[in-house]
C-alpha atoms as a PDB file:
ATOM      1  CA  MET A   1       0.051  -0.099  -0.135  1.00  0.00           C
ATOM      2  CA  ARG A   2       1.477   3.244  -1.352  1.00  0.00           C
ATOM      3  CA  SER A   3       0.226   6.333   1.421  1.00  0.00           C
ATOM      4  CA  GLY A   4       2.434   9.174  -0.033  1.00  0.00           C
ATOM      5  CA  ASN A   5       6.232  10.231  -0.234  1.00  0.00           C
ATOM      6  CA  VAL A   6       8.572  10.224   2.004  1.00  0.00           C
ATOM      7  CA  SER A   7      11.615  12.477   1.620  1.00  0.00           C
ATOM      8  CA  LYS A   8      14.619  11.155   4.174  1.00  0.00           C
ATOM      9  CA  SER A   9      16.620  14.474   4.904  1.00  0.00           C
ATOM     10  CA  ASN A  10      19.859  12.619   5.762  1.00  0.00           C
ATOM     11  CA  THR A  11      21.337  12.067   2.658  1.00  0.00           C
ATOM     12  CA  GLY A  12      21.887  14.937   0.630  1.00  0.00           C
ATOM     13  CA  ASN A  13      20.801  13.257  -2.332  1.00  0.00           C
ATOM     14  CA  ASP A  14      17.156  12.605  -4.013  1.00  0.00           C
ATOM     15  CA  ILE A  15      16.896   8.980  -4.302  1.00  0.00           C
ATOM     16  CA  ALA A  16      13.949   6.656  -5.166  1.00  0.00           C
ATOM     17  CA  ASP A  17      13.993   3.431  -3.417  1.00  0.00           C
ATOM     18  CA  SER A  18      12.407   0.031  -4.323  1.00  0.00           C
ATOM     19  CA  SER A  19       9.252   0.887  -2.247  1.00  0.00           C
ATOM     20  CA  GLY A  20       8.579   3.645  -4.166  1.00  0.00           C
ATOM     21  CA  LEU A  21       9.456   6.061  -1.598  1.00  0.00           C
ATOM     22  CA  THR A  22      12.004   9.013  -1.747  1.00  0.00           C
ATOM     23  CA  GLU A  23      14.771  10.708  -0.262  1.00  0.00           C
ATOM     24  CA  ALA A  24      15.505  14.462  -0.666  1.00  0.00           C
ATOM     25  CA  SER A  25      18.136  16.499   1.325  1.00  0.00           C
ATOM     26  CA  ASP A  26      17.620  19.758   3.440  1.00  0.00           C
ATOM     27  CA  ARG A  27      18.346  18.748   7.098  1.00  0.00           C
ATOM     28  CA  GLN A  28      20.005  15.502   8.766  1.00  0.00           C
ATOM     29  CA  GLY A  29      17.581  13.406  10.981  1.00  0.00           C
ATOM     30  CA  VAL A  30      14.469  15.686   9.522  1.00  0.00           C
ATOM     31  CA  TYR A  31      11.989  13.351   7.627  1.00  0.00           C
ATOM     32  CA  ARG A  32       8.684  14.305   5.538  1.00  0.00           C
ATOM     33  CA  ALA A  33       5.780  12.552   4.236  1.00  0.00           C
ATOM     34  CA  THR A  34       3.111  13.436   2.417  1.00  0.00           C
ATOM     35  CA  HIS A  35      -0.480  11.754   2.733  1.00  0.00           C
ATOM     36  CA  ASP A  36      -2.800  11.542  -0.535  1.00  0.00           C
ATOM     37  CA  ALA A  37      -6.236  12.092   0.963  1.00  0.00           C
ATOM     38  CA  ASP A  38      -7.377  11.105  -2.535  1.00  0.00           C
ATOM     39  CA  GLY A  39      -5.515   7.757  -2.607  1.00  0.00           C
ATOM     40  CA  PRO A  40      -6.973   4.520  -0.729  1.00  0.00           C
ATOM     41  CA  ALA A  41      -4.388   5.057   2.200  1.00  0.00           C
ATOM     42  CA  THR A  42      -5.501   6.310   5.530  1.00  0.00           C
ATOM     43  CA  VAL A  43      -3.497   9.222   7.401  1.00  0.00           C
ATOM     44  CA  SER A  44      -2.459   6.344  10.154  1.00  0.00           C
ATOM     45  CA  ASP A  45      -1.392   4.239   7.152  1.00  0.00           C
ATOM     46  CA  THR A  46       0.733   7.115   5.741  1.00  0.00           C
ATOM     47  CA  VAL A  47       2.408   7.802   9.378  1.00  0.00           C
ATOM     48  CA  ILE A  48       3.256   3.752   9.868  1.00  0.00           C
ATOM     49  CA  GLU A  49       4.744   3.717   6.510  1.00  0.00           C
ATOM     50  CA  ALA A  50       6.756   6.772   7.000  1.00  0.00           C
ATOM     51  CA  ILE A  51       8.202   5.750  10.719  1.00  0.00           C
ATOM     52  CA  ALA A  52       8.597   2.175   9.209  1.00  0.00           C
ATOM     53  CA  GLU A  53      10.963   3.589   6.535  1.00  0.00           C
ATOM     54  CA  VAL A  54      12.764   6.277   8.727  1.00  0.00           C
ATOM     55  CA  ALA A  55      13.587   3.399  11.387  1.00  0.00           C
ATOM     56  CA  GLY A  56      14.268   1.121   8.539  1.00  0.00           C
ATOM     57  CA  ILE A  57      11.870  -1.841   9.239  1.00  0.00           C
ATOM     58  CA  ASP A  58       9.309  -3.584   7.574  1.00  0.00           C
ATOM     59  CA  PRO A  59       5.447  -2.778   8.802  1.00  0.00           C
ATOM     60  CA  THR A  60       4.594  -6.025   7.367  1.00  0.00           C
ATOM     61  CA  ASN A  61       6.707  -8.004   9.999  1.00  0.00           C
ATOM     62  CA  THR A  62       7.452  -5.449  12.782  1.00  0.00           C
ATOM     63  CA  VAL A  63       4.464  -3.958  14.935  1.00  0.00           C
ATOM     64  CA  ILE A  64       5.046  -0.207  15.026  1.00  0.00           C
ATOM     65  CA  PRO A  65       3.114   0.912  18.485  1.00  0.00           C
ATOM     66  CA  LEU A  66       1.084   3.501  16.826  1.00  0.00           C
ATOM     67  CA  SER A  67      -1.907   3.127  19.379  1.00  0.00           C
ATOM     68  CA  GLU A  68       0.131   3.033  22.172  1.00  0.00           C
ATOM     69  CA  ARG A  69       0.557   6.919  21.592  1.00  0.00           C
ATOM     70  CA  VAL A  70      -2.536   7.822  19.149  1.00  0.00           C
ATOM     71  CA  ASP A  71      -5.925   6.258  18.630  1.00  0.00           C
ATOM     72  CA  PRO A  72      -5.200   5.550  14.752  1.00  0.00           C
ATOM     73  CA  ASP A  73      -8.630   5.798  14.338  1.00  0.00           C
ATOM     74  CA  ALA A  74      -8.921   9.215  15.968  1.00  0.00           C
ATOM     75  CA  LEU A  75      -5.889  10.184  13.684  1.00  0.00           C
ATOM     76  CA  ASP A  76      -8.049   9.189  10.661  1.00  0.00           C
ATOM     77  CA  ALA A  77     -11.240  11.025  11.490  1.00  0.00           C
ATOM     78  CA  LEU A  78      -9.318  14.107  12.555  1.00  0.00           C
ATOM     79  CA  PHE A  79      -7.707  14.418   8.974  1.00  0.00           C
ATOM     80  CA  ALA A  80     -10.508  13.093   7.103  1.00  0.00           C
ATOM     81  CA  ASP A  81     -11.739  15.856   5.719  1.00  0.00           C
ATOM     82  CA  ASP A  82      -9.392  18.898   4.112  1.00  0.00           C
ATOM     83  CA  GLU A  83     -11.240  21.611   6.219  1.00  0.00           C
ATOM     84  CA  GLY A  84      -9.699  23.040   9.382  1.00  0.00           C
ATOM     85  CA  ASP A  85      -6.448  23.727  10.248  1.00  0.00           C
ATOM     86  CA  ALA A  86      -5.322  20.554  12.867  1.00  0.00           C
ATOM     87  CA  GLN A  87      -2.107  19.262  13.926  1.00  0.00           C
ATOM     88  CA  VAL A  88      -1.191  16.300  16.239  1.00  0.00           C
ATOM     89  CA  SER A  89       2.321  15.723  17.367  1.00  0.00           C
ATOM     90  CA  PHE A  90       3.454  12.609  19.236  1.00  0.00           C
ATOM     91  CA  ARG A  91       6.467  10.120  20.043  1.00  0.00           C
ATOM     92  CA  VAL A  92       6.703   6.764  18.786  1.00  0.00           C
ATOM     93  CA  CYS A  93       9.900   4.259  18.043  1.00  0.00           C
ATOM     94  CA  GLY A  94      12.152   7.100  19.512  1.00  0.00           C
ATOM     95  CA  LEU A  95      10.861   9.526  16.869  1.00  0.00           C
ATOM     96  CA  ASP A  96       8.912  12.450  17.017  1.00  0.00           C
ATOM     97  CA  VAL A  97       6.096  12.833  14.578  1.00  0.00           C
ATOM     98  CA  LEU A  98       4.090  15.913  13.793  1.00  0.00           C
ATOM     99  CA  VAL A  99       0.982  15.156  11.473  1.00  0.00           C
ATOM    100  CA  ARG A 100      -0.780  18.394   9.933  1.00  0.00           C
ATOM    101  CA  SER A 101      -4.230  18.736   8.193  1.00  0.00           C
ATOM    102  CA  ASP A 102      -2.752  19.644   4.997  1.00  0.00           C
ATOM    103  CA  GLY A 103      -1.344  16.135   4.509  1.00  0.00           C
ATOM    104  CA  ASN A 104       2.284  16.842   5.971  1.00  0.00           C
ATOM    105  CA  VAL A 105       3.714  14.212   8.357  1.00  0.00           C
ATOM    106  CA  ARG A 106       7.195  15.256   9.785  1.00  0.00           C
ATOM    107  CA  ILE A 107       9.338  12.986  11.573  1.00  0.00           C
ATOM    108  CA  VAL A 108      12.674  13.647  13.578  1.00  0.00           C
ATOM    109  CA  ASP A 109      15.087  11.521  14.705  1.00  0.00           C
ATOM    110  CA  GLU A 110      17.117  13.610  16.982  1.00  0.00           C
ATOM    111  CA  THR A 111      19.942  10.672  16.913  1.00  0.00           C
ATOM    112  CA  VAL A 112      20.930  11.434  13.390  1.00  0.00           C
ATOM    113  CA  GLY A 113      22.952  14.406  12.447  1.00  0.00           C
ATOM    114  CA  ASP A 114      21.778  18.174  12.962  1.00  0.00           C
ATOM    115  CA  ALA A 115      17.930  17.360  13.622  1.00  0.00           C
ATOM    116  CA  GLU A 116      16.383  19.736  15.953  1.00  0.00           C
END
């Protein structure tokens, strides 16, 4: 399931990987994903896929404990329509995650480079 694009900001190069995700450069340890509201994936799917990509794990073989930090159904409901200006932030798998109503997901890994 492809939920959006993840740009991984720690390489300095634009790189397409086999999963269809992309890596882009601007800051080390800061990652971005974009949720496609018109696509088949939910916001929580986009977040899980992005966390898995940043953490270097396979979400089909590893449980990402998103529900321990935020209710995935509530997250999906909050961002179900394009109206409003909402954002939710939480920490999961050692990563700081910010989800915005415009479809942008920002993940910060403070263990990498110059993450803020």
